Amino acid sequence: MDSTPLELDQLERMSKAELAAEFERLYGSAPPQYIHRGMLLRAVAYQYQVLATGGPDRALQRRLVRLAGELRRHGSVAAERPAVKPGTRLLREWQGETHTVTVTETGFRYRDQRYESLTAIARQITGTAWSGPAFFGLRPRVRP
């Protein structure tokens, strides 16, 4: 087989043994012994994509390495807070009233006042201790 990637429809017609040989050629080692054909096909197709596009950028590679290390050390990966860009407007309806918060470079703006955290705004709106990111839907609610 030459070094030119095959078309995806050609990959789909390959046997598991042919896919294993292509995997070994692309990755430089034999595939795991009990890998099923569908996963083998995806691994080969992914490597073709990497060859065609250059693969993930360095920032993503660093993030993946960091997450893999965290998974090895702790057995799980902590959920990351979504990045909210300045200018984003967060809307939340609470007791029949819609509350609008604007994300700024230095914090948040709510009713013409500056706040450093969404939690302070959530407390202002509800009168109780709420997680601001959870209140505004930026973090999934934890269910038992």
N, C-alpha and C. Protein backbone atom coordinates (compact mmCIF):
# COMPACT_ATOMS: atom_id res chain seq x y z
N MET A 1 0.84 -1.18 0.00
CA MET A 1 0.00 0.00 0.00
C MET A 1 0.89 1.24 0.00
N ASP A 2 0.61 2.21 -0.83
CA ASP A 2 1.43 3.43 -0.86
C ASP A 2 1.05 4.35 0.31
N SER A 3 1.68 5.51 0.38
CA SER A 3 1.45 6.41 1.52
C SER A 3 0.28 7.36 1.32
N THR A 4 -0.41 7.26 0.19
CA THR A 4 -1.55 8.15 -0.08
C THR A 4 -2.78 7.64 0.67
N PRO A 5 -3.43 8.50 1.46
CA PRO A 5 -4.63 8.06 2.16
C PRO A 5 -5.71 7.61 1.19
N LEU A 6 -6.47 6.62 1.60
CA LEU A 6 -7.58 6.13 0.80
C LEU A 6 -8.80 7.01 1.03
N GLU A 7 -9.76 6.92 0.16
CA GLU A 7 -11.02 7.61 0.37
C GLU A 7 -11.80 6.85 1.45
N LEU A 8 -12.68 7.56 2.15
CA LEU A 8 -13.42 6.92 3.24
C LEU A 8 -14.25 5.74 2.77
N ASP A 9 -14.85 5.82 1.58
CA ASP A 9 -15.64 4.68 1.11
C ASP A 9 -14.76 3.46 0.86
N GLN A 10 -13.49 3.68 0.50
CA GLN A 10 -12.56 2.57 0.35
C GLN A 10 -12.24 1.95 1.71
N LEU A 11 -12.08 2.80 2.73
CA LEU A 11 -11.83 2.29 4.07
C LEU A 11 -12.97 1.41 4.55
N GLU A 12 -14.19 1.83 4.29
CA GLU A 12 -15.35 1.07 4.74
C GLU A 12 -15.43 -0.31 4.11
N ARG A 13 -14.81 -0.49 2.95
CA ARG A 13 -14.83 -1.79 2.29
C ARG A 13 -13.69 -2.70 2.73
N MET A 14 -12.75 -2.16 3.53
CA MET A 14 -11.59 -2.95 3.96
C MET A 14 -11.98 -3.93 5.06
N SER A 15 -11.28 -5.06 5.06
CA SER A 15 -11.49 -6.04 6.13
C SER A 15 -10.80 -5.55 7.40
N LYS A 16 -11.10 -6.22 8.51
CA LYS A 16 -10.47 -5.84 9.78
C LYS A 16 -8.96 -6.02 9.68
N ALA A 17 -8.49 -7.06 9.04
CA ALA A 17 -7.05 -7.29 8.89
C ALA A 17 -6.40 -6.18 8.06
N GLU A 18 -7.06 -5.74 6.99
CA GLU A 18 -6.53 -4.66 6.16
C GLU A 18 -6.49 -3.34 6.95
N LEU A 19 -7.54 -3.09 7.73
CA LEU A 19 -7.56 -1.89 8.56
C LEU A 19 -6.46 -1.93 9.62
N ALA A 20 -6.22 -3.12 10.18
CA ALA A 20 -5.16 -3.27 11.19
C ALA A 20 -3.80 -2.98 10.57
N ALA A 21 -3.59 -3.42 9.35
CA ALA A 21 -2.32 -3.16 8.66
C ALA A 21 -2.16 -1.66 8.40
N GLU A 22 -3.25 -1.00 8.00
CA GLU A 22 -3.21 0.45 7.75
C GLU A 22 -2.98 1.20 9.07
N PHE A 23 -3.61 0.73 10.14
CA PHE A 23 -3.39 1.32 11.46
C PHE A 23 -1.92 1.25 11.83
N GLU A 24 -1.32 0.08 11.66
CA GLU A 24 0.09 -0.11 12.00
C GLU A 24 0.99 0.79 11.16
N ARG A 25 0.65 0.94 9.89
CA ARG A 25 1.44 1.82 9.02
C ARG A 25 1.35 3.27 9.47
N LEU A 26 0.15 3.70 9.85
CA LEU A 26 -0.06 5.10 10.22
C LEU A 26 0.45 5.43 11.61
N TYR A 27 0.25 4.53 12.57
CA TYR A 27 0.58 4.82 13.96
C TYR A 27 1.93 4.24 14.40
N GLY A 28 2.50 3.35 13.58
CA GLY A 28 3.80 2.79 13.92
C GLY A 28 3.76 1.68 14.95
N SER A 29 2.57 1.18 15.27
CA SER A 29 2.43 0.04 16.18
C SER A 29 1.13 -0.69 15.86
N ALA A 30 1.07 -1.92 16.28
CA ALA A 30 -0.12 -2.72 16.04
C ALA A 30 -1.29 -2.17 16.84
N PRO A 31 -2.50 -2.31 16.34
CA PRO A 31 -3.66 -1.84 17.11
C PRO A 31 -3.87 -2.75 18.33
N PRO A 32 -4.63 -2.28 19.32
CA PRO A 32 -4.94 -3.14 20.46
C PRO A 32 -5.57 -4.45 19.98
N GLN A 33 -5.26 -5.53 20.67
CA GLN A 33 -5.65 -6.86 20.21
C GLN A 33 -7.16 -7.03 20.03
N TYR A 34 -7.95 -6.50 20.95
CA TYR A 34 -9.39 -6.75 20.90
C TYR A 34 -10.21 -5.56 20.39
N ILE A 35 -9.59 -4.68 19.64
CA ILE A 35 -10.32 -3.53 19.11
C ILE A 35 -11.30 -4.01 18.03
N HIS A 36 -12.50 -3.47 18.06
CA HIS A 36 -13.47 -3.90 17.04
C HIS A 36 -13.27 -3.11 15.75
N ARG A 37 -13.79 -3.65 14.68
CA ARG A 37 -13.56 -3.11 13.35
C ARG A 37 -13.98 -1.64 13.23
N GLY A 38 -15.13 -1.28 13.81
CA GLY A 38 -15.63 0.10 13.72
C GLY A 38 -14.67 1.09 14.35
N MET A 39 -14.10 0.72 15.49
CA MET A 39 -13.16 1.62 16.16
C MET A 39 -11.87 1.71 15.36
N LEU A 40 -11.45 0.62 14.79
CA LEU A 40 -10.26 0.60 13.95
C LEU A 40 -10.45 1.51 12.74
N LEU A 41 -11.61 1.42 12.14
CA LEU A 41 -11.93 2.27 10.98
C LEU A 41 -11.87 3.74 11.37
N ARG A 42 -12.45 4.10 12.52
CA ARG A 42 -12.43 5.50 12.97
C ARG A 42 -11.02 5.97 13.28
N ALA A 43 -10.19 5.11 13.87
CA ALA A 43 -8.81 5.49 14.19
C ALA A 43 -8.02 5.77 12.92
N VAL A 44 -8.21 4.95 11.91
CA VAL A 44 -7.50 5.16 10.64
C VAL A 44 -8.03 6.43 9.96
N ALA A 45 -9.33 6.61 9.94
CA ALA A 45 -9.91 7.80 9.31
C ALA A 45 -9.45 9.06 10.04
N TYR A 46 -9.36 9.00 11.37
CA TYR A 46 -8.90 10.16 12.14
C TYR A 46 -7.46 10.50 11.76
N GLN A 47 -6.61 9.47 11.65
CA GLN A 47 -5.22 9.74 11.31
C GLN A 47 -5.10 10.32 9.91
N TYR A 48 -5.96 9.92 8.99
CA TYR A 48 -5.99 10.53 7.66
C TYR A 48 -6.31 12.02 7.77
N GLN A 49 -7.28 12.34 8.63
CA GLN A 49 -7.67 13.73 8.84
C GLN A 49 -6.51 14.53 9.42
N VAL A 50 -5.79 13.95 10.38
CA VAL A 50 -4.63 14.62 10.97
C VAL A 50 -3.59 14.90 9.89
N LEU A 51 -3.33 13.92 9.04
CA LEU A 51 -2.36 14.10 7.97
C LEU A 51 -2.79 15.19 6.99
N ALA A 52 -4.09 15.26 6.74
CA ALA A 52 -4.59 16.23 5.78
C ALA A 52 -4.64 17.66 6.34
N THR A 53 -4.92 17.79 7.63
CA THR A 53 -5.14 19.12 8.20
C THR A 53 -4.05 19.58 9.17
N GLY A 54 -3.17 18.68 9.53
CA GLY A 54 -2.13 19.03 10.50
C GLY A 54 -2.53 18.71 11.92
N GLY A 55 -3.73 18.24 12.14
CA GLY A 55 -4.15 17.82 13.47
C GLY A 55 -4.55 18.97 14.36
N PRO A 56 -4.81 18.65 15.63
CA PRO A 56 -5.24 19.68 16.57
C PRO A 56 -4.14 20.71 16.82
N ASP A 57 -4.53 21.95 17.10
CA ASP A 57 -3.53 22.98 17.37
C ASP A 57 -2.84 22.73 18.71
N ARG A 58 -1.77 23.44 18.97
CA ARG A 58 -0.97 23.22 20.18
C ARG A 58 -1.76 23.46 21.46
N ALA A 59 -2.64 24.45 21.46
CA ALA A 59 -3.43 24.73 22.66
C ALA A 59 -4.32 23.54 23.01
N LEU A 60 -4.95 22.95 22.01
CA LEU A 60 -5.79 21.79 22.25
C LEU A 60 -4.95 20.59 22.69
N GLN A 61 -3.80 20.41 22.09
CA GLN A 61 -2.91 19.31 22.50
C GLN A 61 -2.51 19.46 23.96
N ARG A 62 -2.14 20.69 24.38
CA ARG A 62 -1.77 20.92 25.78
C ARG A 62 -2.95 20.63 26.72
N ARG A 63 -4.13 21.08 26.31
CA ARG A 63 -5.31 20.85 27.14
C ARG A 63 -5.60 19.36 27.27
N LEU A 64 -5.48 18.61 26.19
CA LEU A 64 -5.72 17.17 26.24
C LEU A 64 -4.70 16.47 27.14
N VAL A 65 -3.44 16.88 27.07
CA VAL A 65 -2.41 16.30 27.93
C VAL A 65 -2.73 16.60 29.40
N ARG A 66 -3.14 17.84 29.67
CA ARG A 66 -3.49 18.22 31.05
C ARG A 66 -4.68 17.40 31.55
N LEU A 67 -5.72 17.26 30.73
CA LEU A 67 -6.89 16.49 31.12
C LEU A 67 -6.56 15.02 31.33
N ALA A 68 -5.71 14.47 30.47
CA ALA A 68 -5.30 13.06 30.62
C ALA A 68 -4.55 12.86 31.94
N GLY A 69 -3.67 13.81 32.29
CA GLY A 69 -2.94 13.72 33.56
C GLY A 69 -3.89 13.79 34.74
N GLU A 70 -4.87 14.69 34.66
CA GLU A 70 -5.86 14.82 35.73
C GLU A 70 -6.67 13.53 35.87
N LEU A 71 -7.02 12.94 34.75
CA LEU A 71 -7.77 11.69 34.77
C LEU A 71 -6.94 10.57 35.40
N ARG A 72 -5.65 10.50 35.06
CA ARG A 72 -4.79 9.47 35.66
C ARG A 72 -4.65 9.67 37.17
N ARG A 73 -4.47 10.91 37.58
CA ARG A 73 -4.24 11.19 39.01
C ARG A 73 -5.48 11.03 39.86
N HIS A 74 -6.63 11.49 39.35
CA HIS A 74 -7.83 11.57 40.17
C HIS A 74 -8.94 10.60 39.76
N GLY A 75 -8.80 9.97 38.63
CA GLY A 75 -9.84 9.05 38.17
C GLY A 75 -11.01 9.74 37.51
N SER A 76 -10.99 11.08 37.48
CA SER A 76 -12.05 11.85 36.81
C SER A 76 -11.48 13.21 36.44
N VAL A 77 -12.24 13.94 35.67
CA VAL A 77 -11.83 15.27 35.22
C VAL A 77 -12.89 16.25 35.69
N ALA A 78 -12.46 17.31 36.36
CA ALA A 78 -13.38 18.34 36.83
C ALA A 78 -13.96 19.08 35.63
N ALA A 79 -15.23 19.38 35.71
CA ALA A 79 -15.88 20.14 34.64
C ALA A 79 -15.30 21.55 34.61
N GLU A 80 -15.02 22.03 33.42
CA GLU A 80 -14.47 23.37 33.27
C GLU A 80 -15.60 24.37 33.13
N ARG A 81 -15.37 25.54 33.71
CA ARG A 81 -16.34 26.62 33.55
C ARG A 81 -16.29 27.12 32.12
N PRO A 82 -17.43 27.32 31.52
CA PRO A 82 -17.41 27.86 30.16
C PRO A 82 -16.89 29.30 30.18
N ALA A 83 -16.12 29.65 29.20
CA ALA A 83 -15.61 31.01 29.09
C ALA A 83 -16.72 31.88 28.50
N VAL A 84 -17.03 32.97 29.17
CA VAL A 84 -18.05 33.88 28.70
C VAL A 84 -17.35 35.16 28.29
N LYS A 85 -17.51 35.55 27.05
CA LYS A 85 -16.79 36.69 26.51
C LYS A 85 -17.47 38.01 26.89
N PRO A 86 -16.66 39.04 27.08
CA PRO A 86 -17.22 40.37 27.34
C PRO A 86 -18.22 40.76 26.24
N GLY A 87 -19.31 41.36 26.69
CA GLY A 87 -20.37 41.74 25.75
C GLY A 87 -21.51 40.75 25.75
N THR A 88 -21.28 39.56 26.27
CA THR A 88 -22.33 38.54 26.34
C THR A 88 -23.40 39.00 27.32
N ARG A 89 -24.66 38.79 26.95
CA ARG A 89 -25.77 39.11 27.84
C ARG A 89 -26.36 37.81 28.36
N LEU A 90 -26.47 37.71 29.66
CA LEU A 90 -27.06 36.55 30.31
C LEU A 90 -28.47 36.92 30.76
N LEU A 91 -29.44 36.10 30.41
CA LEU A 91 -30.83 36.36 30.77
C LEU A 91 -31.32 35.26 31.69
N ARG A 92 -32.06 35.66 32.71
CA ARG A 92 -32.65 34.67 33.61
C ARG A 92 -33.99 35.20 34.09
N GLU A 93 -35.01 34.38 33.94
CA GLU A 93 -36.31 34.76 34.46
C GLU A 93 -36.41 34.24 35.88
N TRP A 94 -36.83 35.10 36.78
CA TRP A 94 -36.97 34.72 38.18
C TRP A 94 -38.23 35.36 38.72
N GLN A 95 -39.18 34.54 39.15
CA GLN A 95 -40.45 34.98 39.72
C GLN A 95 -41.16 35.98 38.82
N GLY A 96 -41.21 35.65 37.52
CA GLY A 96 -41.95 36.45 36.56
C GLY A 96 -41.23 37.66 36.01
N GLU A 97 -40.00 37.90 36.45
CA GLU A 97 -39.24 39.05 35.98
C GLU A 97 -37.98 38.55 35.25
N THR A 98 -37.67 39.17 34.11
CA THR A 98 -36.47 38.80 33.37
C THR A 98 -35.32 39.69 33.82
N HIS A 99 -34.23 39.05 34.22
CA HIS A 99 -33.04 39.77 34.69
C HIS A 99 -31.95 39.63 33.63
N THR A 100 -31.31 40.75 33.28
CA THR A 100 -30.27 40.77 32.26
C THR A 100 -28.96 41.20 32.89
N VAL A 101 -27.92 40.40 32.64
CA VAL A 101 -26.57 40.70 33.13
C VAL A 101 -25.68 40.79 31.90
N THR A 102 -24.83 41.80 31.85
CA THR A 102 -23.87 41.95 30.75
C THR A 102 -22.47 41.63 31.28
N VAL A 103 -21.78 40.77 30.57
CA VAL A 103 -20.40 40.42 30.93
C VAL A 103 -19.50 41.55 30.44
N THR A 104 -18.62 42.04 31.32
CA THR A 104 -17.67 43.10 30.96
C THR A 104 -16.25 42.54 31.05
N GLU A 105 -15.28 43.37 30.69
CA GLU A 105 -13.86 42.95 30.78
C GLU A 105 -13.44 42.68 32.22
N THR A 106 -14.07 43.39 33.16
CA THR A 106 -13.64 43.31 34.56
C THR A 106 -14.66 42.66 35.48
N GLY A 107 -15.76 42.17 34.97
CA GLY A 107 -16.77 41.55 35.82
C GLY A 107 -18.10 41.49 35.12
N PHE A 108 -19.14 41.99 35.82
CA PHE A 108 -20.50 41.91 35.31
C PHE A 108 -21.25 43.20 35.62
N ARG A 109 -22.23 43.50 34.78
CA ARG A 109 -23.04 44.69 34.98
C ARG A 109 -24.50 44.25 35.08
N TYR A 110 -25.13 44.67 36.17
CA TYR A 110 -26.54 44.34 36.40
C TYR A 110 -27.22 45.57 36.99
N ARG A 111 -28.29 46.03 36.35
CA ARG A 111 -29.04 47.22 36.78
C ARG A 111 -28.12 48.41 37.05
N ASP A 112 -27.25 48.68 36.08
CA ASP A 112 -26.33 49.82 36.12
C ASP A 112 -25.35 49.79 37.29
N GLN A 113 -25.11 48.61 37.84
CA GLN A 113 -24.10 48.47 38.88
C GLN A 113 -23.11 47.40 38.45
N ARG A 114 -21.86 47.57 38.87
CA ARG A 114 -20.80 46.62 38.56
C ARG A 114 -20.69 45.59 39.68
N TYR A 115 -20.57 44.33 39.29
CA TYR A 115 -20.38 43.23 40.23
C TYR A 115 -19.16 42.44 39.80
N GLU A 116 -18.45 41.87 40.77
CA GLU A 116 -17.29 41.05 40.45
C GLU A 116 -17.65 39.60 40.18
N SER A 117 -18.84 39.18 40.66
CA SER A 117 -19.20 37.77 40.48
C SER A 117 -20.68 37.63 40.16
N LEU A 118 -20.98 36.54 39.46
CA LEU A 118 -22.37 36.22 39.18
C LEU A 118 -23.09 35.78 40.44
N THR A 119 -22.34 35.22 41.38
CA THR A 119 -22.94 34.76 42.63
C THR A 119 -23.52 35.95 43.40
N ALA A 120 -22.82 37.08 43.42
CA ALA A 120 -23.33 38.27 44.09
C ALA A 120 -24.62 38.74 43.43
N ILE A 121 -24.69 38.63 42.12
CA ILE A 121 -25.91 39.04 41.39
C ILE A 121 -27.05 38.08 41.68
N ALA A 122 -26.76 36.79 41.69
CA ALA A 122 -27.79 35.79 41.98
C ALA A 122 -28.33 36.00 43.39
N ARG A 123 -27.46 36.32 44.33
CA ARG A 123 -27.89 36.60 45.70
C ARG A 123 -28.78 37.85 45.74
N GLN A 124 -28.40 38.87 44.97
CA GLN A 124 -29.18 40.11 44.90
C GLN A 124 -30.58 39.82 44.36
N ILE A 125 -30.68 38.97 43.36
CA ILE A 125 -31.97 38.67 42.72
C ILE A 125 -32.84 37.80 43.61
N THR A 126 -32.25 36.75 44.20
CA THR A 126 -33.04 35.75 44.92
C THR A 126 -33.15 36.00 46.41
N GLY A 127 -32.17 36.72 46.97
CA GLY A 127 -32.15 36.91 48.41
C GLY A 127 -31.60 35.71 49.16
N THR A 128 -31.11 34.73 48.43
CA THR A 128 -30.54 33.53 49.05
C THR A 128 -29.18 33.22 48.42
N ALA A 129 -28.46 32.29 49.03
CA ALA A 129 -27.14 31.91 48.52
C ALA A 129 -27.30 30.95 47.34
N TRP A 130 -26.97 31.43 46.16
CA TRP A 130 -27.00 30.64 44.93
C TRP A 130 -25.61 30.66 44.31
N SER A 131 -25.27 29.62 43.59
CA SER A 131 -24.10 29.68 42.72
C SER A 131 -24.51 30.50 41.51
N GLY A 132 -23.81 31.60 41.27
CA GLY A 132 -24.13 32.45 40.14
C GLY A 132 -24.07 31.74 38.80
N PRO A 133 -22.96 30.98 38.52
CA PRO A 133 -22.92 30.26 37.25
C PRO A 133 -24.06 29.25 37.11
N ALA A 134 -24.46 28.60 38.20
CA ALA A 134 -25.58 27.66 38.13
C ALA A 134 -26.90 28.42 37.91
N PHE A 135 -27.08 29.52 38.60
CA PHE A 135 -28.30 30.32 38.49
C PHE A 135 -28.51 30.80 37.05
N PHE A 136 -27.43 31.21 36.40
CA PHE A 136 -27.54 31.73 35.03
C PHE A 136 -27.34 30.65 33.97
N GLY A 137 -27.30 29.40 34.38
CA GLY A 137 -27.25 28.29 33.43
C GLY A 137 -25.90 28.05 32.80
N LEU A 138 -24.83 28.50 33.43
CA LEU A 138 -23.48 28.29 32.89
C LEU A 138 -22.87 27.01 33.43
N ARG A 139 -23.49 26.40 34.38
CA ARG A 139 -23.00 25.15 34.95
C ARG A 139 -24.20 24.21 35.05
N PRO A 140 -24.03 22.96 34.65
CA PRO A 140 -25.15 22.04 34.75
C PRO A 140 -25.54 21.84 36.21
N ARG A 141 -26.81 21.71 36.45
CA ARG A 141 -27.27 21.46 37.81
C ARG A 141 -26.91 20.04 38.19
N VAL A 142 -26.42 19.88 39.39
CA VAL A 142 -26.02 18.55 39.88
C VAL A 142 -27.27 17.88 40.44
N ARG A 143 -27.52 16.69 39.95
CA ARG A 143 -28.69 15.94 40.43
C ARG A 143 -28.20 14.69 41.14
N PRO A 144 -28.79 14.36 42.28
CA PRO A 144 -28.33 13.18 43.02
C PRO A 144 -28.62 11.89 42.28
